[in-house]
Amino acid sequence: TVVDEVKTNKISPATGVAFTLGDSGDTFTVPSGATITNSGT
């Protein structure tokens, strides 16, 4: 559990190719001025 800020250049799944971010009901906020870039589908 990290209750403050995590800084990293990459997050990858421990095994396989599937990665889950958070749990059902969680909310993830992209703050104003930040950009999400999708290079895949």
PDB file of all heavy atoms in Angstrom:
ATOM      1  N   THR A   1       0.839  -1.196   0.000  1.00  0.00           N
ATOM      2  CA  THR A   1       0.000   0.000   0.000  1.00  0.00           C
ATOM      3  C   THR A   1       0.873   1.245   0.000  1.00  0.00           C
ATOM      4  O   THR A   1       1.756   1.398   0.836  1.00  0.00           O
ATOM      5  CB  THR A   1      -0.922   0.022   1.240  1.00  0.00           C
ATOM      6  OG1 THR A   1      -1.741  -1.137   1.230  1.00  0.00           O
ATOM      7  CG2 THR A   1      -1.817   1.260   1.210  1.00  0.00           C
ATOM      8  N   VAL A   2       0.622   2.115  -0.968  1.00  0.00           N
ATOM      9  CA  VAL A   2       1.305   3.406  -1.045  1.00  0.00           C
ATOM     10  C   VAL A   2       0.240   4.481  -0.894  1.00  0.00           C
ATOM     11  O   VAL A   2      -0.711   4.535  -1.666  1.00  0.00           O
ATOM     12  CB  VAL A   2       2.054   3.580  -2.383  1.00  0.00           C
ATOM     13  CG1 VAL A   2       2.719   4.943  -2.436  1.00  0.00           C
ATOM     14  CG2 VAL A   2       3.079   2.466  -2.567  1.00  0.00           C
ATOM     15  N   VAL A   3       0.358   5.318   0.108  1.00  0.00           N
ATOM     16  CA  VAL A   3      -0.687   6.306   0.387  1.00  0.00           C
ATOM     17  C   VAL A   3      -0.349   7.676  -0.189  1.00  0.00           C
ATOM     18  O   VAL A   3      -1.129   8.620  -0.036  1.00  0.00           O
ATOM     19  CB  VAL A   3      -0.934   6.423   1.912  1.00  0.00           C
ATOM     20  CG1 VAL A   3      -1.479   5.124   2.456  1.00  0.00           C
ATOM     21  CG2 VAL A   3       0.344   6.815   2.658  1.00  0.00           C
ATOM     22  N   ASP A   4       0.774   7.793  -0.863  1.00  0.00           N
ATOM     23  CA  ASP A   4       1.134   9.076  -1.453  1.00  0.00           C
ATOM     24  C   ASP A   4       1.384   8.898  -2.936  1.00  0.00           C
ATOM     25  O   ASP A   4       0.515   8.432  -3.647  1.00  0.00           O
ATOM     26  CB  ASP A   4       2.364   9.656  -0.745  1.00  0.00           C
ATOM     27  CG  ASP A   4       2.515  11.160  -0.974  1.00  0.00           C
ATOM     28  OD1 ASP A   4       1.836  11.684  -1.876  1.00  0.00           O
ATOM     29  OD2 ASP A   4       3.308  11.799  -0.273  1.00  0.00           O
ATOM     30  N   GLU A   5       2.522   9.182  -3.461  1.00  0.00           N
ATOM     31  CA  GLU A   5       2.805   9.223  -4.887  1.00  0.00           C
ATOM     32  C   GLU A   5       3.793   8.148  -5.280  1.00  0.00           C
ATOM     33  O   GLU A   5       4.792   7.912  -4.600  1.00  0.00           O
ATOM     34  CB  GLU A   5       3.367  10.603  -5.264  1.00  0.00           C
ATOM     35  CG  GLU A   5       3.631  10.775  -6.746  1.00  0.00           C
ATOM     36  CD  GLU A   5       4.137  12.173  -7.081  1.00  0.00           C
ATOM     37  OE1 GLU A   5       4.570  12.891  -6.144  1.00  0.00           O
ATOM     38  OE2 GLU A   5       4.109  12.550  -8.251  1.00  0.00           O
ATOM     39  N   VAL A   6       3.495   7.457  -6.396  1.00  0.00           N
ATOM     40  CA  VAL A   6       4.413   6.477  -6.966  1.00  0.00           C
ATOM     41  C   VAL A   6       4.905   7.011  -8.306  1.00  0.00           C
ATOM     42  O   VAL A   6       4.094   7.369  -9.164  1.00  0.00           O
ATOM     43  CB  VAL A   6       3.725   5.107  -7.179  1.00  0.00           C
ATOM     44  CG1 VAL A   6       4.673   4.146  -7.882  1.00  0.00           C
ATOM     45  CG2 VAL A   6       3.283   4.528  -5.848  1.00  0.00           C
ATOM     46  N   LYS A   7       6.191   7.063  -8.516  1.00  0.00           N
ATOM     47  CA  LYS A   7       6.765   7.521  -9.774  1.00  0.00           C
ATOM     48  C   LYS A   7       7.524   6.371 -10.415  1.00  0.00           C
ATOM     49  O   LYS A   7       8.385   5.758  -9.787  1.00  0.00           O
ATOM     50  CB  LYS A   7       7.704   8.707  -9.547  1.00  0.00           C
ATOM     51  CG  LYS A   7       7.006   9.989  -9.116  1.00  0.00           C
ATOM     52  CD  LYS A   7       7.977  11.149  -9.014  1.00  0.00           C
ATOM     53  CE  LYS A   7       7.259  12.446  -8.654  1.00  0.00           C
ATOM     54  NZ  LYS A   7       8.203  13.601  -8.564  1.00  0.00           N
ATOM     55  N   THR A   8       7.177   6.064 -11.673  1.00  0.00           N
ATOM     56  CA  THR A   8       7.851   4.993 -12.405  1.00  0.00           C
ATOM     57  C   THR A   8       7.728   5.257 -13.893  1.00  0.00           C
ATOM     58  O   THR A   8       6.808   5.950 -14.334  1.00  0.00           O
ATOM     59  CB  THR A   8       7.245   3.618 -12.060  1.00  0.00           C
ATOM     60  OG1 THR A   8       7.937   2.601 -12.799  1.00  0.00           O
ATOM     61  CG2 THR A   8       5.758   3.568 -12.414  1.00  0.00           C
ATOM     62  N   ASN A   9       8.636   4.713 -14.677  1.00  0.00           N
ATOM     63  CA  ASN A   9       8.595   4.892 -16.123  1.00  0.00           C
ATOM     64  C   ASN A   9       7.798   3.806 -16.826  1.00  0.00           C
ATOM     65  O   ASN A   9       7.431   3.956 -17.988  1.00  0.00           O
ATOM     66  CB  ASN A   9      10.015   4.929 -16.698  1.00  0.00           C
ATOM     67  CG  ASN A   9      10.771   6.185 -16.285  1.00  0.00           C
ATOM     68  OD1 ASN A   9      10.178   7.253 -16.174  1.00  0.00           O
ATOM     69  ND2 ASN A   9      12.058   6.048 -16.035  1.00  0.00           N
ATOM     70  N   LYS A  10       7.497   2.710 -16.130  1.00  0.00           N
ATOM     71  CA  LYS A  10       6.791   1.623 -16.782  1.00  0.00           C
ATOM     72  C   LYS A  10       6.167   0.701 -15.746  1.00  0.00           C
ATOM     73  O   LYS A  10       6.773   0.415 -14.713  1.00  0.00           O
ATOM     74  CB  LYS A  10       7.749   0.820 -17.676  1.00  0.00           C
ATOM     75  CG  LYS A  10       7.085  -0.293 -18.465  1.00  0.00           C
ATOM     76  CD  LYS A  10       8.116  -1.008 -19.356  1.00  0.00           C
ATOM     77  CE  LYS A  10       7.447  -2.127 -20.147  1.00  0.00           C
ATOM     78  NZ  LYS A  10       8.434  -2.860 -21.002  1.00  0.00           N
ATOM     79  N   ILE A  11       4.952   0.251 -16.029  1.00  0.00           N
ATOM     80  CA  ILE A  11       4.289  -0.761 -15.213  1.00  0.00           C
ATOM     81  C   ILE A  11       3.941  -1.926 -16.123  1.00  0.00           C
ATOM     82  O   ILE A  11       3.285  -1.741 -17.148  1.00  0.00           O
ATOM     83  CB  ILE A  11       3.005  -0.220 -14.552  1.00  0.00           C
ATOM     84  CG1 ILE A  11       3.333   0.973 -13.648  1.00  0.00           C
ATOM     85  CG2 ILE A  11       2.306  -1.310 -13.759  1.00  0.00           C
ATOM     86  CD1 ILE A  11       2.117   1.614 -13.021  1.00  0.00           C
ATOM     87  N   SER A  12       4.395  -3.123 -15.778  1.00  0.00           N
ATOM     88  CA  SER A  12       4.126  -4.310 -16.579  1.00  0.00           C
ATOM     89  C   SER A  12       3.514  -5.385 -15.694  1.00  0.00           C
ATOM     90  O   SER A  12       3.706  -5.391 -14.474  1.00  0.00           O
ATOM     91  CB  SER A  12       5.419  -4.845 -17.215  1.00  0.00           C
ATOM     92  OG  SER A  12       5.990  -3.887 -18.080  1.00  0.00           O
ATOM     93  N   PRO A  13       2.743  -6.328 -16.282  1.00  0.00           N
ATOM     94  CA  PRO A  13       2.177  -7.415 -15.481  1.00  0.00           C
ATOM     95  C   PRO A  13       3.274  -8.335 -14.961  1.00  0.00           C
ATOM     96  O   PRO A  13       4.294  -8.547 -15.634  1.00  0.00           O
ATOM     97  CB  PRO A  13       1.256  -8.141 -16.473  1.00  0.00           C
ATOM     98  CG  PRO A  13       1.787  -7.781 -17.826  1.00  0.00           C
ATOM     99  CD  PRO A  13       2.338  -6.410 -17.698  1.00  0.00           C
ATOM    100  N   ALA A  14       3.079  -8.897 -13.770  1.00  0.00           N
ATOM    101  CA  ALA A  14       4.070  -9.801 -13.186  1.00  0.00           C
ATOM    102  C   ALA A  14       4.182 -11.082 -13.994  1.00  0.00           C
ATOM    103  O   ALA A  14       5.271 -11.637 -14.172  1.00  0.00           O
ATOM    104  CB  ALA A  14       3.698 -10.119 -11.736  1.00  0.00           C
ATOM    105  N   THR A  15       3.042 -11.580 -14.504  1.00  0.00           N
ATOM    106  CA  THR A  15       3.026 -12.767 -15.348  1.00  0.00           C
ATOM    107  C   THR A  15       2.058 -12.539 -16.500  1.00  0.00           C
ATOM    108  O   THR A  15       1.103 -11.772 -16.387  1.00  0.00           O
ATOM    109  CB  THR A  15       2.575 -14.015 -14.560  1.00  0.00           C
ATOM    110  OG1 THR A  15       1.267 -13.780 -14.023  1.00  0.00           O
ATOM    111  CG2 THR A  15       3.537 -14.311 -13.415  1.00  0.00           C
ATOM    112  N   GLY A  16       2.296 -13.219 -17.621  1.00  0.00           N
ATOM    113  CA  GLY A  16       1.386 -13.094 -18.759  1.00  0.00           C
ATOM    114  C   GLY A  16       1.439 -11.719 -19.386  1.00  0.00           C
ATOM    115  O   GLY A  16       2.430 -11.002 -19.298  1.00  0.00           O
ATOM    116  N   VAL A  17       0.312 -11.323 -20.024  1.00  0.00           N
ATOM    117  CA  VAL A  17       0.267 -10.051 -20.727  1.00  0.00           C
ATOM    118  C   VAL A  17      -0.906  -9.181 -20.275  1.00  0.00           C
ATOM    119  O   VAL A  17      -1.150  -8.126 -20.845  1.00  0.00           O
ATOM    120  CB  VAL A  17       0.163 -10.282 -22.255  1.00  0.00           C
ATOM    121  CG1 VAL A  17       1.420 -10.960 -22.778  1.00  0.00           C
ATOM    122  CG2 VAL A  17      -1.063 -11.123 -22.607  1.00  0.00           C
ATOM    123  N   ALA A  18      -1.643  -9.624 -19.253  1.00  0.00           N
ATOM    124  CA  ALA A  18      -2.803  -8.867 -18.786  1.00  0.00           C
ATOM    125  C   ALA A  18      -2.446  -8.093 -17.526  1.00  0.00           C
ATOM    126  O   ALA A  18      -1.794  -8.616 -16.619  1.00  0.00           O
ATOM    127  CB  ALA A  18      -3.979  -9.802 -18.514  1.00  0.00           C
ATOM    128  N   PHE A  19      -2.887  -6.847 -17.485  1.00  0.00           N
ATOM    129  CA  PHE A  19      -2.592  -5.985 -16.339  1.00  0.00           C
ATOM    130  C   PHE A  19      -3.898  -5.330 -15.887  1.00  0.00           C
ATOM    131  O   PHE A  19      -4.614  -4.741 -16.692  1.00  0.00           O
ATOM    132  CB  PHE A  19      -1.562  -4.921 -16.739  1.00  0.00           C
ATOM    133  CG  PHE A  19      -1.290  -3.903 -15.672  1.00  0.00           C
ATOM    134  CD1 PHE A  19      -0.559  -4.230 -14.550  1.00  0.00           C
ATOM    135  CD2 PHE A  19      -1.765  -2.611 -15.801  1.00  0.00           C
ATOM    136  CE1 PHE A  19      -0.298  -3.286 -13.572  1.00  0.00           C
ATOM    137  CE2 PHE A  19      -1.520  -1.656 -14.826  1.00  0.00           C
ATOM    138  CZ  PHE A  19      -0.779  -1.998 -13.709  1.00  0.00           C
ATOM    139  N   THR A  20      -4.229  -5.449 -14.615  1.00  0.00           N
ATOM    140  CA  THR A  20      -5.447  -4.861 -14.062  1.00  0.00           C
ATOM    141  C   THR A  20      -5.094  -3.652 -13.216  1.00  0.00           C
ATOM    142  O   THR A  20      -4.219  -3.723 -12.345  1.00  0.00           O
ATOM    143  CB  THR A  20      -6.215  -5.873 -13.192  1.00  0.00           C
ATOM    144  OG1 THR A  20      -6.557  -7.007 -13.997  1.00  0.00           O
ATOM    145  CG2 THR A  20      -7.484  -5.253 -12.633  1.00  0.00           C
ATOM    146  N   LEU A  21      -5.771  -2.545 -13.488  1.00  0.00           N
ATOM    147  CA  LEU A  21      -5.532  -1.316 -12.748  1.00  0.00           C
ATOM    148  C   LEU A  21      -6.741  -1.049 -11.856  1.00  0.00           C
ATOM    149  O   LEU A  21      -7.820  -0.723 -12.338  1.00  0.00           O
ATOM    150  CB  LEU A  21      -5.311  -0.158 -13.722  1.00  0.00           C
ATOM    151  CG  LEU A  21      -4.935   1.207 -13.129  1.00  0.00           C
ATOM    152  CD1 LEU A  21      -3.586   1.120 -12.433  1.00  0.00           C
ATOM    153  CD2 LEU A  21      -4.898   2.268 -14.220  1.00  0.00           C
ATOM    154  N   GLY A  22      -6.559  -1.209 -10.557  1.00  0.00           N
ATOM    155  CA  GLY A  22      -7.635  -0.932  -9.619  1.00  0.00           C
ATOM    156  C   GLY A  22      -8.681  -2.025  -9.556  1.00  0.00           C
ATOM    157  O   GLY A  22      -8.573  -3.094 -10.172  1.00  0.00           O
ATOM    158  N   ASP A  23      -9.736  -1.751  -8.778  1.00  0.00           N
ATOM    159  CA  ASP A  23     -10.834  -2.685  -8.580  1.00  0.00           C
ATOM    160  C   ASP A  23     -12.144  -2.040  -8.999  1.00  0.00           C
ATOM    161  O   ASP A  23     -12.231  -0.817  -9.170  1.00  0.00           O
ATOM    162  CB  ASP A  23     -10.924  -3.108  -7.100  1.00  0.00           C
ATOM    163  CG  ASP A  23      -9.697  -3.887  -6.644  1.00  0.00           C
ATOM    164  OD1 ASP A  23      -9.365  -4.885  -7.311  1.00  0.00           O
ATOM    165  OD2 ASP A  23      -9.068  -3.485  -5.638  1.00  0.00           O
ATOM    166  N   SER A  24     -13.175  -2.869  -9.147  1.00  0.00           N
ATOM    167  CA  SER A  24     -14.494  -2.368  -9.512  1.00  0.00           C
ATOM    168  C   SER A  24     -14.932  -1.285  -8.529  1.00  0.00           C
ATOM    169  O   SER A  24     -14.847  -1.455  -7.321  1.00  0.00           O
ATOM    170  CB  SER A  24     -15.506  -3.518  -9.500  1.00  0.00           C
ATOM    171  OG  SER A  24     -16.800  -3.049  -9.770  1.00  0.00           O
ATOM    172  N   GLY A  25     -15.403  -0.166  -9.076  1.00  0.00           N
ATOM    173  CA  GLY A  25     -15.839   0.944  -8.230  1.00  0.00           C
ATOM    174  C   GLY A  25     -14.784   2.007  -8.024  1.00  0.00           C
ATOM    175  O   GLY A  25     -15.097   3.103  -7.549  1.00  0.00           O
ATOM    176  N   ASP A  26     -13.521   1.690  -8.364  1.00  0.00           N
ATOM    177  CA  ASP A  26     -12.456   2.681  -8.222  1.00  0.00           C
ATOM    178  C   ASP A  26     -12.586   3.768  -9.283  1.00  0.00           C
ATOM    179  O   ASP A  26     -13.145   3.543 -10.355  1.00  0.00           O
ATOM    180  CB  ASP A  26     -11.078   2.026  -8.349  1.00  0.00           C
ATOM    181  CG  ASP A  26     -10.738   1.135  -7.159  1.00  0.00           C
ATOM    182  OD1 ASP A  26     -11.477   1.196  -6.166  1.00  0.00           O
ATOM    183  OD2 ASP A  26      -9.757   0.377  -7.258  1.00  0.00           O
ATOM    184  N   THR A  27     -12.073   4.945  -8.986  1.00  0.00           N
ATOM    185  CA  THR A  27     -12.059   6.058  -9.924  1.00  0.00           C
ATOM    186  C   THR A  27     -10.627   6.532 -10.111  1.00  0.00           C
ATOM    187  O   THR A  27      -9.910   6.765  -9.130  1.00  0.00           O
ATOM    188  CB  THR A  27     -12.915   7.231  -9.414  1.00  0.00           C
ATOM    189  OG1 THR A  27     -14.265   6.800  -9.286  1.00  0.00           O
ATOM    190  CG2 THR A  27     -12.869   8.414 -10.390  1.00  0.00           C
ATOM    191  N   PHE A  28     -10.216   6.677 -11.371  1.00  0.00           N
ATOM    192  CA  PHE A  28      -8.888   7.184 -11.681  1.00  0.00           C
ATOM    193  C   PHE A  28      -9.041   8.532 -12.383  1.00  0.00           C
ATOM    194  O   PHE A  28      -9.791   8.648 -13.348  1.00  0.00           O
ATOM    195  CB  PHE A  28      -8.118   6.191 -12.564  1.00  0.00           C
ATOM    196  CG  PHE A  28      -7.824   4.895 -11.876  1.00  0.00           C
ATOM    197  CD1 PHE A  28      -8.728   3.844 -11.948  1.00  0.00           C
ATOM    198  CD2 PHE A  28      -6.674   4.732 -11.134  1.00  0.00           C
ATOM    199  CE1 PHE A  28      -8.481   2.653 -11.300  1.00  0.00           C
ATOM    200  CE2 PHE A  28      -6.407   3.544 -10.477  1.00  0.00           C
ATOM    201  CZ  PHE A  28      -7.316   2.496 -10.563  1.00  0.00           C
ATOM    202  N   THR A  29      -8.357   9.522 -11.894  1.00  0.00           N
ATOM    203  CA  THR A  29      -8.504  10.889 -12.390  1.00  0.00           C
ATOM    204  C   THR A  29      -7.251  11.326 -13.132  1.00  0.00           C
ATOM    205  O   THR A  29      -6.133  11.182 -12.622  1.00  0.00           O
ATOM    206  CB  THR A  29      -8.780  11.860 -11.227  1.00  0.00           C
ATOM    207  OG1 THR A  29      -9.972  11.450 -10.543  1.00  0.00           O
ATOM    208  CG2 THR A  29      -8.960  13.281 -11.740  1.00  0.00           C
ATOM    209  N   VAL A  30      -7.447  11.844 -14.347  1.00  0.00           N
ATOM    210  CA  VAL A  30      -6.354  12.457 -15.095  1.00  0.00           C
ATOM    211  C   VAL A  30      -6.471  13.964 -14.879  1.00  0.00           C
ATOM    212  O   VAL A  30      -7.443  14.579 -15.315  1.00  0.00           O
ATOM    213  CB  VAL A  30      -6.435  12.132 -16.595  1.00  0.00           C
ATOM    214  CG1 VAL A  30      -5.301  12.808 -17.344  1.00  0.00           C
ATOM    215  CG2 VAL A  30      -6.417  10.631 -16.822  1.00  0.00           C
ATOM    216  N   PRO A  31      -5.524  14.581 -14.191  1.00  0.00           N
ATOM    217  CA  PRO A  31      -5.661  16.002 -13.848  1.00  0.00           C
ATOM    218  C   PRO A  31      -5.562  16.900 -15.067  1.00  0.00           C
ATOM    219  O   PRO A  31      -5.051  16.504 -16.118  1.00  0.00           O
ATOM    220  CB  PRO A  31      -4.487  16.243 -12.881  1.00  0.00           C
ATOM    221  CG  PRO A  31      -3.479  15.206 -13.243  1.00  0.00           C
ATOM    222  CD  PRO A  31      -4.263  14.002 -13.678  1.00  0.00           C
ATOM    223  N   SER A  32      -6.080  18.103 -14.936  1.00  0.00           N
ATOM    224  CA  SER A  32      -6.022  19.099 -16.001  1.00  0.00           C
ATOM    225  C   SER A  32      -4.575  19.357 -16.403  1.00  0.00           C
ATOM    226  O   SER A  32      -3.699  19.519 -15.549  1.00  0.00           O
ATOM    227  CB  SER A  32      -6.665  20.406 -15.524  1.00  0.00           C
ATOM    228  OG  SER A  32      -6.533  21.411 -16.489  1.00  0.00           O
ATOM    229  N   GLY A  33      -4.333  19.358 -17.711  1.00  0.00           N
ATOM    230  CA  GLY A  33      -2.980  19.592 -18.207  1.00  0.00           C
ATOM    231  C   GLY A  33      -2.221  18.317 -18.502  1.00  0.00           C
ATOM    232  O   GLY A  33      -1.199  18.351 -19.203  1.00  0.00           O
ATOM    233  N   ALA A  34      -2.702  17.167 -17.994  1.00  0.00           N
ATOM    234  CA  ALA A  34      -2.057  15.892 -18.272  1.00  0.00           C
ATOM    235  C   ALA A  34      -2.655  15.286 -19.537  1.00  0.00           C
ATOM    236  O   ALA A  34      -3.785  15.579 -19.913  1.00  0.00           O
ATOM    237  CB  ALA A  34      -2.231  14.940 -17.094  1.00  0.00           C
ATOM    238  N   THR A  35      -1.910  14.415 -20.210  1.00  0.00           N
ATOM    239  CA  THR A  35      -2.347  13.805 -21.467  1.00  0.00           C
ATOM    240  C   THR A  35      -2.129  12.303 -21.416  1.00  0.00           C
ATOM    241  O   THR A  35      -1.077  11.836 -20.970  1.00  0.00           O
ATOM    242  CB  THR A  35      -1.559  14.381 -22.656  1.00  0.00           C
ATOM    243  OG1 THR A  35      -1.759  15.792 -22.715  1.00  0.00           O
ATOM    244  CG2 THR A  35      -2.010  13.757 -23.974  1.00  0.00           C
ATOM    245  N   ILE A  36      -3.140  11.541 -21.871  1.00  0.00           N
ATOM    246  CA  ILE A  36      -2.988  10.109 -22.047  1.00  0.00           C
ATOM    247  C   ILE A  36      -2.842   9.837 -23.531  1.00  0.00           C
ATOM    248  O   ILE A  36      -3.696  10.214 -24.326  1.00  0.00           O
ATOM    249  CB  ILE A  36      -4.197   9.339 -21.486  1.00  0.00           C
ATOM    250  CG1 ILE A  36      -4.279   9.519 -19.967  1.00  0.00           C
ATOM    251  CG2 ILE A  36      -4.105   7.861 -21.844  1.00  0.00           C
ATOM    252  CD1 ILE A  36      -5.463   8.811 -19.347  1.00  0.00           C
ATOM    253  N   THR A  37      -1.763   9.181 -23.930  1.00  0.00           N
ATOM    254  CA  THR A  37      -1.510   8.864 -25.331  1.00  0.00           C
ATOM    255  C   THR A  37      -1.675   7.372 -25.553  1.00  0.00           C
ATOM    256  O   THR A  37      -1.043   6.560 -24.876  1.00  0.00           O
ATOM    257  CB  THR A  37      -0.083   9.289 -25.742  1.00  0.00           C
ATOM    258  OG1 THR A  37       0.065  10.695 -25.531  1.00  0.00           O
ATOM    259  CG2 THR A  37       0.173   8.977 -27.207  1.00  0.00           C
ATOM    260  N   ASN A  38      -2.542   7.002 -26.503  1.00  0.00           N
ATOM    261  CA  ASN A  38      -2.759   5.599 -26.834  1.00  0.00           C
ATOM    262  C   ASN A  38      -2.122   5.295 -28.181  1.00  0.00           C
ATOM    263  O   ASN A  38      -2.519   5.856 -29.201  1.00  0.00           O
ATOM    264  CB  ASN A  38      -4.265   5.296 -26.889  1.00  0.00           C
ATOM    265  CG  ASN A  38      -4.532   3.885 -27.387  1.00  0.00           C
ATOM    266  OD1 ASN A  38      -3.824   2.961 -27.014  1.00  0.00           O
ATOM    267  ND2 ASN A  38      -5.536   3.734 -28.227  1.00  0.00           N
ATOM    268  N   SER A  39      -1.126   4.390 -28.185  1.00  0.00           N
ATOM    269  CA  SER A  39      -0.465   4.002 -29.434  1.00  0.00           C
ATOM    270  C   SER A  39      -0.950   2.648 -29.919  1.00  0.00           C
ATOM    271  O   SER A  39      -0.479   2.152 -30.943  1.00  0.00           O
ATOM    272  CB  SER A  39       1.058   3.960 -29.229  1.00  0.00           C
ATOM    273  OG  SER A  39       1.540   5.236 -28.853  1.00  0.00           O
ATOM    274  N   GLY A  40      -1.878   2.047 -29.180  1.00  0.00           N
ATOM    275  CA  GLY A  40      -2.422   0.759 -29.570  1.00  0.00           C
ATOM    276  C   GLY A  40      -3.879   0.883 -29.960  1.00  0.00           C
ATOM    277  O   GLY A  40      -4.294   1.854 -30.576  1.00  0.00           O
ATOM    278  N   THR A  41      -4.687  -0.108 -29.581  1.00  0.00           N
ATOM    279  CA  THR A  41      -6.113  -0.110 -29.864  1.00  0.00           C
ATOM    280  C   THR A  41      -6.879  -0.020 -28.555  1.00  0.00           C
ATOM    281  O   THR A  41      -6.703  -0.858 -27.673  1.00  0.00           O
ATOM    282  CB  THR A  41      -6.529  -1.394 -30.610  1.00  0.00           C
ATOM    283  OG1 THR A  41      -5.801  -1.459 -31.836  1.00  0.00           O
ATOM    284  CG2 THR A  41      -8.015  -1.390 -30.902  1.00  0.00           C
TER     285      THR A  41
END
